Amino acid sequence: METIIIKMTLAESENLSIHYMYNQSKFGNLLLAATEKGVCYAAFDSDQQTALAELKAIFPKAIFLNQSNDLIKNALLVFEKKQAQPILLHIKGTVFQMEVWEELLKIPFGETTTYGEIARRLHNPKASRAVGSAVGANPVSFIIPCHRVLQSTGKIGGYHWGVERKIAILEWELGELRVKS
């Protein structure tokens, strides 16, 4: 699956129309949102109002449209392993966060890595904690595969949407491999 990040500028983030859709996925209820350029938000949450409130906090000046668009429909195919077209992401973040998220996209489906390995790939081997913070700030859960990052000990570690969900996603990708929690 090819995923392309389009960096959102500050000016863009203050003048957006955002389509959103609350949908059931293999791993629970999911709120997906997209601008006209790409998916800007993906979050698992059992409560639609909580998920929507978090999206609105990230984009306080946006106009929200409770309807899907082609970018959202395309992104939903990732849960069926049927991705035909590239997923376009339109996200905001610091330069460092963008570098980390680009590295996450390089982790092959069904494989994992560590925070330390990502820091080494970014030529900053002492930045494991900063990498962890950037991974945790991922605005498009699952699409940028933050779930594929483990502690150096091989343990799962934290996941914004719950360790059980992270284990379920990894087992789905890895094919019933039992991962250490």
N, C-alpha and C. Protein backbone atom coordinates (compact mmCIF):
# COMPACT_ATOMS: atom_id res chain seq x y z
N MET A 1 0.85 -1.18 0.00
CA MET A 1 0.00 0.00 0.00
C MET A 1 0.89 1.24 0.00
N GLU A 2 0.67 2.08 -0.93
CA GLU A 2 1.42 3.32 -0.99
C GLU A 2 0.65 4.41 -0.25
N THR A 3 1.37 5.15 0.56
CA THR A 3 0.78 6.26 1.31
C THR A 3 1.65 7.47 1.09
N ILE A 4 1.03 8.59 0.75
CA ILE A 4 1.74 9.82 0.45
C ILE A 4 1.33 10.90 1.44
N ILE A 5 2.33 11.50 2.09
CA ILE A 5 2.06 12.58 3.04
C ILE A 5 2.18 13.92 2.33
N ILE A 6 1.14 14.72 2.47
CA ILE A 6 1.14 16.11 2.02
C ILE A 6 1.13 16.95 3.29
N LYS A 7 2.18 17.72 3.50
CA LYS A 7 2.27 18.51 4.73
C LYS A 7 1.28 19.68 4.68
N MET A 8 0.50 19.79 5.73
CA MET A 8 -0.48 20.85 5.85
C MET A 8 0.20 22.09 6.40
N THR A 9 0.00 23.22 5.75
CA THR A 9 0.57 24.47 6.24
C THR A 9 -0.32 25.04 7.33
N LEU A 10 0.23 25.96 8.10
CA LEU A 10 -0.54 26.61 9.15
C LEU A 10 -1.75 27.33 8.55
N ALA A 11 -1.55 28.02 7.43
CA ALA A 11 -2.66 28.73 6.78
C ALA A 11 -3.76 27.76 6.37
N GLU A 12 -3.37 26.62 5.83
CA GLU A 12 -4.36 25.62 5.42
C GLU A 12 -5.14 25.09 6.62
N SER A 13 -4.45 24.88 7.74
CA SER A 13 -5.08 24.28 8.91
C SER A 13 -6.13 25.19 9.53
N GLU A 14 -6.10 26.47 9.19
CA GLU A 14 -7.05 27.41 9.76
C GLU A 14 -8.22 27.72 8.83
N ASN A 15 -8.21 27.13 7.64
CA ASN A 15 -9.25 27.47 6.67
C ASN A 15 -9.65 26.21 5.91
N LEU A 16 -10.19 25.24 6.62
CA LEU A 16 -10.47 23.94 6.03
C LEU A 16 -11.94 23.57 6.04
N SER A 17 -12.32 22.79 5.04
CA SER A 17 -13.56 22.03 5.09
C SER A 17 -13.14 20.59 5.30
N ILE A 18 -13.66 19.96 6.32
CA ILE A 18 -13.27 18.59 6.65
C ILE A 18 -14.50 17.69 6.60
N HIS A 19 -14.42 16.69 5.74
CA HIS A 19 -15.43 15.64 5.69
C HIS A 19 -15.06 14.60 6.73
N TYR A 20 -16.05 14.02 7.39
CA TYR A 20 -15.74 12.97 8.35
C TYR A 20 -16.81 11.89 8.32
N MET A 21 -16.40 10.72 8.78
CA MET A 21 -17.30 9.57 8.79
C MET A 21 -16.93 8.70 9.98
N TYR A 22 -17.92 8.31 10.73
CA TYR A 22 -17.73 7.39 11.85
C TYR A 22 -18.16 6.02 11.34
N ASN A 23 -17.26 5.04 11.41
CA ASN A 23 -17.50 3.77 10.76
C ASN A 23 -16.97 2.62 11.62
N GLN A 24 -17.51 1.45 11.44
CA GLN A 24 -17.02 0.25 12.10
C GLN A 24 -15.83 -0.29 11.31
N SER A 25 -14.76 -0.68 12.01
CA SER A 25 -13.61 -1.31 11.37
C SER A 25 -13.36 -2.65 12.05
N LYS A 26 -12.43 -3.41 11.55
CA LYS A 26 -12.04 -4.68 12.17
C LYS A 26 -11.61 -4.51 13.62
N PHE A 27 -11.17 -3.31 13.97
CA PHE A 27 -10.58 -3.10 15.29
C PHE A 27 -11.40 -2.13 16.14
N GLY A 28 -12.64 -1.96 15.79
CA GLY A 28 -13.52 -1.09 16.56
C GLY A 28 -13.97 0.11 15.77
N ASN A 29 -14.77 0.93 16.41
CA ASN A 29 -15.30 2.13 15.76
C ASN A 29 -14.17 3.09 15.42
N LEU A 30 -14.30 3.71 14.27
CA LEU A 30 -13.23 4.54 13.73
C LEU A 30 -13.82 5.84 13.18
N LEU A 31 -13.20 6.94 13.54
CA LEU A 31 -13.55 8.22 12.94
C LEU A 31 -12.47 8.55 11.93
N LEU A 32 -12.86 8.71 10.67
CA LEU A 32 -11.94 9.11 9.61
C LEU A 32 -12.36 10.48 9.11
N ALA A 33 -11.39 11.34 8.88
CA ALA A 33 -11.68 12.68 8.39
C ALA A 33 -10.69 13.04 7.28
N ALA A 34 -11.16 13.82 6.33
CA ALA A 34 -10.30 14.21 5.20
C ALA A 34 -10.62 15.62 4.73
N THR A 35 -9.58 16.30 4.32
CA THR A 35 -9.72 17.57 3.62
C THR A 35 -9.88 17.23 2.14
N GLU A 36 -9.83 18.22 1.30
CA GLU A 36 -9.89 17.97 -0.15
C GLU A 36 -8.59 17.39 -0.68
N LYS A 37 -7.50 17.49 0.12
CA LYS A 37 -6.19 16.99 -0.32
C LYS A 37 -5.86 15.60 0.20
N GLY A 38 -6.42 15.22 1.35
CA GLY A 38 -6.09 13.91 1.90
C GLY A 38 -6.68 13.69 3.27
N VAL A 39 -6.52 12.46 3.75
CA VAL A 39 -7.00 12.09 5.08
C VAL A 39 -6.18 12.87 6.11
N CYS A 40 -6.85 13.52 7.04
CA CYS A 40 -6.16 14.34 8.04
C CYS A 40 -6.28 13.78 9.45
N TYR A 41 -7.13 12.76 9.64
CA TYR A 41 -7.36 12.26 10.98
C TYR A 41 -7.97 10.86 10.91
N ALA A 42 -7.49 9.97 11.76
CA ALA A 42 -8.07 8.64 11.91
C ALA A 42 -7.89 8.24 13.36
N ALA A 43 -8.99 7.91 14.01
CA ALA A 43 -8.92 7.57 15.43
C ALA A 43 -9.95 6.52 15.78
N PHE A 44 -9.52 5.55 16.59
CA PHE A 44 -10.44 4.55 17.13
C PHE A 44 -11.07 5.15 18.37
N ASP A 45 -12.38 5.04 18.50
CA ASP A 45 -13.06 5.49 19.71
C ASP A 45 -14.46 4.90 19.72
N SER A 46 -14.85 4.36 20.85
CA SER A 46 -16.18 3.76 20.95
C SER A 46 -17.27 4.81 21.07
N ASP A 47 -16.88 6.04 21.37
CA ASP A 47 -17.87 7.11 21.51
C ASP A 47 -17.67 8.14 20.40
N GLN A 48 -18.64 8.24 19.52
CA GLN A 48 -18.54 9.14 18.37
C GLN A 48 -18.35 10.60 18.80
N GLN A 49 -19.04 11.03 19.83
CA GLN A 49 -18.94 12.44 20.25
C GLN A 49 -17.55 12.77 20.79
N THR A 50 -16.95 11.82 21.53
CA THR A 50 -15.60 12.03 22.04
C THR A 50 -14.61 12.13 20.89
N ALA A 51 -14.73 11.23 19.92
CA ALA A 51 -13.84 11.24 18.76
C ALA A 51 -13.99 12.54 17.98
N LEU A 52 -15.22 12.97 17.78
CA LEU A 52 -15.46 14.21 17.03
C LEU A 52 -14.94 15.42 17.79
N ALA A 53 -15.08 15.42 19.11
CA ALA A 53 -14.56 16.53 19.92
C ALA A 53 -13.04 16.63 19.80
N GLU A 54 -12.36 15.49 19.76
CA GLU A 54 -10.91 15.50 19.60
C GLU A 54 -10.52 16.06 18.23
N LEU A 55 -11.23 15.65 17.20
CA LEU A 55 -10.97 16.18 15.85
C LEU A 55 -11.18 17.69 15.82
N LYS A 56 -12.26 18.16 16.42
CA LYS A 56 -12.55 19.59 16.42
C LYS A 56 -11.54 20.38 17.24
N ALA A 57 -10.96 19.77 18.26
CA ALA A 57 -9.92 20.44 19.04
C ALA A 57 -8.64 20.61 18.21
N ILE A 58 -8.36 19.67 17.34
CA ILE A 58 -7.18 19.76 16.48
C ILE A 58 -7.37 20.80 15.40
N PHE A 59 -8.59 20.93 14.89
CA PHE A 59 -8.91 21.87 13.82
C PHE A 59 -10.05 22.79 14.26
N PRO A 60 -9.78 23.70 15.21
CA PRO A 60 -10.87 24.50 15.80
C PRO A 60 -11.55 25.47 14.83
N LYS A 61 -10.90 25.83 13.74
CA LYS A 61 -11.49 26.81 12.82
C LYS A 61 -12.07 26.17 11.57
N ALA A 62 -12.09 24.85 11.51
CA ALA A 62 -12.57 24.15 10.32
C ALA A 62 -14.09 24.10 10.27
N ILE A 63 -14.58 23.87 9.07
CA ILE A 63 -16.00 23.59 8.84
C ILE A 63 -16.09 22.08 8.67
N PHE A 64 -16.98 21.43 9.44
CA PHE A 64 -17.07 19.97 9.44
C PHE A 64 -18.33 19.51 8.72
N LEU A 65 -18.14 18.53 7.83
CA LEU A 65 -19.24 17.97 7.05
C LEU A 65 -19.35 16.49 7.38
N ASN A 66 -20.48 16.09 7.95
CA ASN A 66 -20.68 14.70 8.35
C ASN A 66 -21.08 13.88 7.13
N GLN A 67 -20.08 13.66 6.27
CA GLN A 67 -20.28 12.84 5.08
C GLN A 67 -18.93 12.37 4.58
N SER A 68 -18.93 11.22 3.99
CA SER A 68 -17.70 10.65 3.46
C SER A 68 -17.31 11.36 2.16
N ASN A 69 -16.08 11.14 1.74
CA ASN A 69 -15.65 11.55 0.41
C ASN A 69 -14.78 10.42 -0.15
N ASP A 70 -14.31 10.57 -1.38
CA ASP A 70 -13.54 9.49 -2.02
C ASP A 70 -12.26 9.16 -1.27
N LEU A 71 -11.63 10.14 -0.64
CA LEU A 71 -10.40 9.91 0.10
C LEU A 71 -10.65 9.03 1.32
N ILE A 72 -11.76 9.25 2.00
CA ILE A 72 -12.14 8.43 3.15
C ILE A 72 -12.49 7.02 2.69
N LYS A 73 -13.27 6.90 1.63
CA LYS A 73 -13.65 5.58 1.11
C LYS A 73 -12.42 4.78 0.72
N ASN A 74 -11.45 5.42 0.08
CA ASN A 74 -10.22 4.74 -0.29
C ASN A 74 -9.44 4.30 0.95
N ALA A 75 -9.37 5.14 1.96
CA ALA A 75 -8.63 4.80 3.17
C ALA A 75 -9.27 3.62 3.91
N LEU A 76 -10.57 3.49 3.85
CA LEU A 76 -11.24 2.37 4.53
C LEU A 76 -10.84 1.01 3.94
N LEU A 77 -10.42 1.00 2.69
CA LEU A 77 -10.03 -0.26 2.05
C LEU A 77 -8.79 -0.88 2.69
N VAL A 78 -8.01 -0.09 3.41
CA VAL A 78 -6.81 -0.61 4.06
C VAL A 78 -7.17 -1.70 5.07
N PHE A 79 -8.33 -1.63 5.65
CA PHE A 79 -8.76 -2.62 6.64
C PHE A 79 -9.15 -3.94 5.99
N GLU A 80 -9.32 -3.93 4.69
CA GLU A 80 -9.66 -5.15 3.94
C GLU A 80 -8.47 -5.65 3.14
N LYS A 81 -7.32 -4.99 3.29
CA LYS A 81 -6.11 -5.33 2.53
C LYS A 81 -6.37 -5.26 1.03
N LYS A 82 -7.21 -4.29 0.62
CA LYS A 82 -7.60 -4.15 -0.78
C LYS A 82 -7.19 -2.79 -1.34
N GLN A 83 -6.12 -2.23 -0.86
CA GLN A 83 -5.74 -0.89 -1.26
C GLN A 83 -5.28 -0.88 -2.71
N ALA A 84 -6.03 -0.23 -3.57
CA ALA A 84 -5.67 -0.15 -4.99
C ALA A 84 -4.98 1.17 -5.30
N GLN A 85 -5.50 2.24 -4.76
CA GLN A 85 -4.94 3.57 -5.02
C GLN A 85 -4.13 4.01 -3.81
N PRO A 86 -3.14 4.89 -4.04
CA PRO A 86 -2.39 5.42 -2.89
C PRO A 86 -3.32 6.16 -1.93
N ILE A 87 -3.00 6.07 -0.65
CA ILE A 87 -3.73 6.86 0.35
C ILE A 87 -3.01 8.20 0.46
N LEU A 88 -3.75 9.25 0.29
CA LEU A 88 -3.20 10.60 0.43
C LEU A 88 -3.51 11.09 1.84
N LEU A 89 -2.48 11.56 2.52
CA LEU A 89 -2.63 12.12 3.85
C LEU A 89 -2.33 13.60 3.80
N HIS A 90 -3.13 14.40 4.45
CA HIS A 90 -2.93 15.85 4.53
C HIS A 90 -2.86 16.17 6.02
N ILE A 91 -1.64 16.17 6.55
CA ILE A 91 -1.48 16.26 8.00
C ILE A 91 -0.51 17.37 8.40
N LYS A 92 -0.69 17.81 9.64
CA LYS A 92 0.21 18.83 10.15
C LYS A 92 1.07 18.23 11.27
N GLY A 93 2.29 18.75 11.36
CA GLY A 93 3.20 18.28 12.38
C GLY A 93 4.52 19.02 12.24
N THR A 94 5.38 18.82 13.22
CA THR A 94 6.70 19.44 13.17
C THR A 94 7.55 18.72 12.13
N VAL A 95 8.69 19.30 11.81
CA VAL A 95 9.61 18.66 10.87
C VAL A 95 10.01 17.28 11.40
N PHE A 96 10.34 17.21 12.69
CA PHE A 96 10.75 15.93 13.28
C PHE A 96 9.62 14.91 13.23
N GLN A 97 8.40 15.31 13.58
CA GLN A 97 7.27 14.39 13.52
C GLN A 97 7.09 13.86 12.11
N MET A 98 7.17 14.74 11.13
CA MET A 98 7.03 14.30 9.73
C MET A 98 8.10 13.29 9.36
N GLU A 99 9.33 13.50 9.81
CA GLU A 99 10.41 12.56 9.54
C GLU A 99 10.11 11.20 10.17
N VAL A 100 9.64 11.20 11.40
CA VAL A 100 9.30 9.95 12.08
C VAL A 100 8.15 9.26 11.35
N TRP A 101 7.11 10.00 10.99
CA TRP A 101 5.96 9.39 10.32
C TRP A 101 6.36 8.82 8.97
N GLU A 102 7.26 9.48 8.26
CA GLU A 102 7.77 8.94 6.99
C GLU A 102 8.49 7.62 7.24
N GLU A 103 9.25 7.54 8.33
CA GLU A 103 9.93 6.29 8.67
C GLU A 103 8.93 5.19 9.01
N LEU A 104 7.86 5.53 9.70
CA LEU A 104 6.84 4.54 10.02
C LEU A 104 6.23 3.95 8.76
N LEU A 105 6.06 4.78 7.75
CA LEU A 105 5.49 4.30 6.49
C LEU A 105 6.40 3.31 5.78
N LYS A 106 7.67 3.30 6.13
CA LYS A 106 8.64 2.38 5.51
C LYS A 106 8.64 0.99 6.16
N ILE A 107 7.95 0.84 7.28
CA ILE A 107 7.91 -0.46 7.96
C ILE A 107 6.96 -1.36 7.16
N PRO A 108 7.45 -2.45 6.62
CA PRO A 108 6.58 -3.31 5.80
C PRO A 108 5.42 -3.91 6.60
N PHE A 109 4.33 -4.13 5.92
CA PHE A 109 3.16 -4.78 6.49
C PHE A 109 3.61 -6.11 7.10
N GLY A 110 3.19 -6.37 8.33
CA GLY A 110 3.53 -7.62 8.98
C GLY A 110 4.88 -7.63 9.66
N GLU A 111 5.57 -6.49 9.69
CA GLU A 111 6.86 -6.41 10.36
C GLU A 111 6.79 -5.34 11.44
N THR A 112 7.74 -5.39 12.37
CA THR A 112 7.81 -4.40 13.44
C THR A 112 9.22 -3.86 13.53
N THR A 113 9.36 -2.77 14.27
CA THR A 113 10.65 -2.18 14.56
C THR A 113 10.59 -1.59 15.96
N THR A 114 11.65 -0.91 16.36
CA THR A 114 11.69 -0.30 17.69
C THR A 114 11.87 1.21 17.57
N TYR A 115 11.59 1.88 18.68
CA TYR A 115 11.80 3.32 18.74
C TYR A 115 13.27 3.65 18.49
N GLY A 116 14.15 2.85 19.09
CA GLY A 116 15.58 3.06 18.93
C GLY A 116 16.04 2.90 17.50
N GLU A 117 15.48 1.91 16.80
CA GLU A 117 15.84 1.70 15.40
C GLU A 117 15.41 2.89 14.54
N ILE A 118 14.24 3.41 14.81
CA ILE A 118 13.80 4.60 14.05
C ILE A 118 14.72 5.77 14.34
N ALA A 119 15.10 5.95 15.59
CA ALA A 119 16.04 7.03 15.94
C ALA A 119 17.35 6.85 15.18
N ARG A 120 17.85 5.62 15.10
CA ARG A 120 19.10 5.36 14.34
C ARG A 120 18.93 5.67 12.86
N ARG A 121 17.79 5.31 12.30
CA ARG A 121 17.53 5.60 10.87
C ARG A 121 17.50 7.10 10.61
N LEU A 122 17.11 7.85 11.62
CA LEU A 122 17.06 9.31 11.50
C LEU A 122 18.40 9.95 11.88
N HIS A 123 19.43 9.11 12.06
CA HIS A 123 20.79 9.56 12.40
C HIS A 123 20.82 10.33 13.71
N ASN A 124 19.98 9.91 14.65
CA ASN A 124 19.92 10.53 15.96
C ASN A 124 19.65 9.43 16.99
N PRO A 125 20.65 8.54 17.22
CA PRO A 125 20.40 7.34 18.03
C PRO A 125 19.98 7.59 19.46
N LYS A 126 20.16 8.79 19.98
CA LYS A 126 19.74 9.08 21.35
C LYS A 126 18.32 9.65 21.43
N ALA A 127 17.62 9.67 20.32
CA ALA A 127 16.30 10.31 20.26
C ALA A 127 15.14 9.34 20.41
N SER A 128 15.36 8.20 21.05
CA SER A 128 14.27 7.21 21.18
C SER A 128 13.03 7.79 21.84
N ARG A 129 13.21 8.57 22.90
CA ARG A 129 12.04 9.16 23.59
C ARG A 129 11.32 10.17 22.69
N ALA A 130 12.08 10.97 21.98
CA ALA A 130 11.47 11.93 21.06
C ALA A 130 10.73 11.19 19.94
N VAL A 131 11.30 10.10 19.48
CA VAL A 131 10.62 9.27 18.48
C VAL A 131 9.32 8.76 19.08
N GLY A 132 9.36 8.29 20.32
CA GLY A 132 8.15 7.81 20.98
C GLY A 132 7.07 8.86 21.06
N SER A 133 7.47 10.10 21.35
CA SER A 133 6.50 11.21 21.40
C SER A 133 5.90 11.47 20.03
N ALA A 134 6.74 11.44 18.99
CA ALA A 134 6.24 11.66 17.63
C ALA A 134 5.31 10.52 17.20
N VAL A 135 5.67 9.29 17.54
CA VAL A 135 4.81 8.15 17.23
C VAL A 135 3.46 8.33 17.92
N GLY A 136 3.48 8.76 19.17
CA GLY A 136 2.25 8.96 19.92
C GLY A 136 1.39 10.11 19.40
N ALA A 137 1.99 11.03 18.66
CA ALA A 137 1.26 12.17 18.11
C ALA A 137 0.71 11.90 16.71
N ASN A 138 0.87 10.70 16.23
CA ASN A 138 0.40 10.32 14.89
C ASN A 138 -1.10 10.63 14.75
N PRO A 139 -1.47 11.51 13.81
CA PRO A 139 -2.87 11.90 13.68
C PRO A 139 -3.73 10.93 12.86
N VAL A 140 -3.10 9.97 12.22
CA VAL A 140 -3.85 9.05 11.37
C VAL A 140 -3.53 7.60 11.76
N SER A 141 -4.01 7.25 12.94
CA SER A 141 -3.78 5.93 13.50
C SER A 141 -4.07 4.84 12.48
N PHE A 142 -3.24 3.83 12.50
CA PHE A 142 -3.31 2.66 11.65
C PHE A 142 -2.81 2.94 10.24
N ILE A 143 -3.21 4.05 9.63
CA ILE A 143 -2.76 4.34 8.27
C ILE A 143 -1.26 4.62 8.27
N ILE A 144 -0.80 5.48 9.18
CA ILE A 144 0.63 5.56 9.48
C ILE A 144 0.80 4.53 10.60
N PRO A 145 1.51 3.44 10.34
CA PRO A 145 1.47 2.27 11.22
C PRO A 145 2.28 2.40 12.51
N CYS A 146 1.84 3.27 13.39
CA CYS A 146 2.51 3.44 14.68
C CYS A 146 2.41 2.17 15.53
N HIS A 147 1.43 1.33 15.24
CA HIS A 147 1.27 0.07 15.96
C HIS A 147 2.41 -0.91 15.70
N ARG A 148 3.21 -0.67 14.68
CA ARG A 148 4.32 -1.57 14.34
C ARG A 148 5.60 -1.25 15.11
N VAL A 149 5.54 -0.29 16.03
CA VAL A 149 6.72 0.09 16.79
C VAL A 149 6.63 -0.52 18.20
N LEU A 150 7.69 -1.22 18.57
CA LEU A 150 7.75 -1.90 19.86
C LEU A 150 8.90 -1.36 20.69
N GLN A 151 8.89 -1.70 21.97
CA GLN A 151 10.02 -1.36 22.83
C GLN A 151 11.22 -2.21 22.41
N SER A 152 12.41 -1.79 22.77
CA SER A 152 13.62 -2.54 22.39
C SER A 152 13.64 -3.95 22.98
N THR A 153 12.88 -4.16 24.04
CA THR A 153 12.80 -5.49 24.66
C THR A 153 11.86 -6.42 23.89
N GLY A 154 11.14 -5.87 22.91
CA GLY A 154 10.16 -6.65 22.16
C GLY A 154 8.76 -6.55 22.74
N LYS A 155 8.62 -5.88 23.88
CA LYS A 155 7.30 -5.70 24.48
C LYS A 155 6.50 -4.68 23.67
N ILE A 156 5.20 -4.80 23.78
CA ILE A 156 4.29 -3.95 23.03
C ILE A 156 4.43 -2.48 23.41
N GLY A 157 4.41 -2.17 24.68
CA GLY A 157 4.42 -0.77 25.11
C GLY A 157 3.04 -0.17 24.98
N GLY A 158 2.96 1.12 25.08
CA GLY A 158 1.67 1.80 25.05
C GLY A 158 1.12 1.97 23.65
N TYR A 159 -0.16 2.30 23.60
CA TYR A 159 -0.84 2.60 22.34
C TYR A 159 -2.03 3.48 22.71
N HIS A 160 -2.14 4.60 22.04
CA HIS A 160 -3.19 5.57 22.36
C HIS A 160 -4.58 4.93 22.42
N TRP A 161 -4.80 3.93 21.60
CA TRP A 161 -6.12 3.32 21.49
C TRP A 161 -6.22 2.01 22.26
N GLY A 162 -5.24 1.76 23.15
CA GLY A 162 -5.28 0.58 24.01
C GLY A 162 -4.36 -0.53 23.53
N VAL A 163 -3.68 -1.14 24.48
CA VAL A 163 -2.73 -2.21 24.17
C VAL A 163 -3.45 -3.40 23.53
N GLU A 164 -4.67 -3.71 23.98
CA GLU A 164 -5.40 -4.84 23.41
C GLU A 164 -5.64 -4.62 21.91
N ARG A 165 -5.97 -3.40 21.53
CA ARG A 165 -6.19 -3.11 20.12
C ARG A 165 -4.88 -3.23 19.34
N LYS A 166 -3.78 -2.75 19.91
CA LYS A 166 -2.49 -2.86 19.24
C LYS A 166 -2.14 -4.33 19.01
N ILE A 167 -2.35 -5.16 20.02
CA ILE A 167 -2.08 -6.59 19.88
C ILE A 167 -2.96 -7.20 18.78
N ALA A 168 -4.23 -6.84 18.77
CA ALA A 168 -5.14 -7.37 17.74
C ALA A 168 -4.69 -6.97 16.34
N ILE A 169 -4.26 -5.72 16.18
CA ILE A 169 -3.80 -5.26 14.87
C ILE A 169 -2.54 -6.02 14.46
N LEU A 170 -1.59 -6.14 15.38
CA LEU A 170 -0.35 -6.85 15.06
C LEU A 170 -0.62 -8.31 14.73
N GLU A 171 -1.48 -8.96 15.49
CA GLU A 171 -1.81 -10.36 15.20
C GLU A 171 -2.48 -10.49 13.84
N TRP A 172 -3.34 -9.56 13.48
CA TRP A 172 -3.99 -9.57 12.16
C TRP A 172 -2.93 -9.42 11.08
N GLU A 173 -2.00 -8.50 11.26
CA GLU A 173 -0.96 -8.30 10.26
C GLU A 173 0.03 -9.46 10.22
N LEU A 174 0.42 -9.95 11.38
CA LEU A 174 1.45 -10.98 11.45
C LEU A 174 0.88 -12.38 11.29
N GLY A 175 -0.43 -12.50 11.35
CA GLY A 175 -1.06 -13.79 11.18
C GLY A 175 -1.00 -14.67 12.41
N GLU A 176 -1.74 -14.33 13.42
CA GLU A 176 -1.91 -15.12 14.64
C GLU A 176 -0.65 -15.29 15.49
N LEU A 177 0.42 -14.61 15.17
CA LEU A 177 1.60 -14.65 16.02
C LEU A 177 1.22 -14.05 17.36
N ARG A 178 1.53 -14.68 18.42
CA ARG A 178 1.24 -14.15 19.76
C ARG A 178 2.34 -13.19 20.15
N VAL A 179 1.98 -11.94 20.35
CA VAL A 179 2.97 -10.92 20.69
C VAL A 179 3.02 -10.74 22.19
N LYS A 180 4.18 -10.33 22.70
CA LYS A 180 4.36 -10.10 24.14
C LYS A 180 3.70 -8.79 24.53
N SER A 181 2.95 -8.81 25.61
CA SER A 181 2.34 -7.55 26.07
C SER A 181 3.13 -6.96 27.21
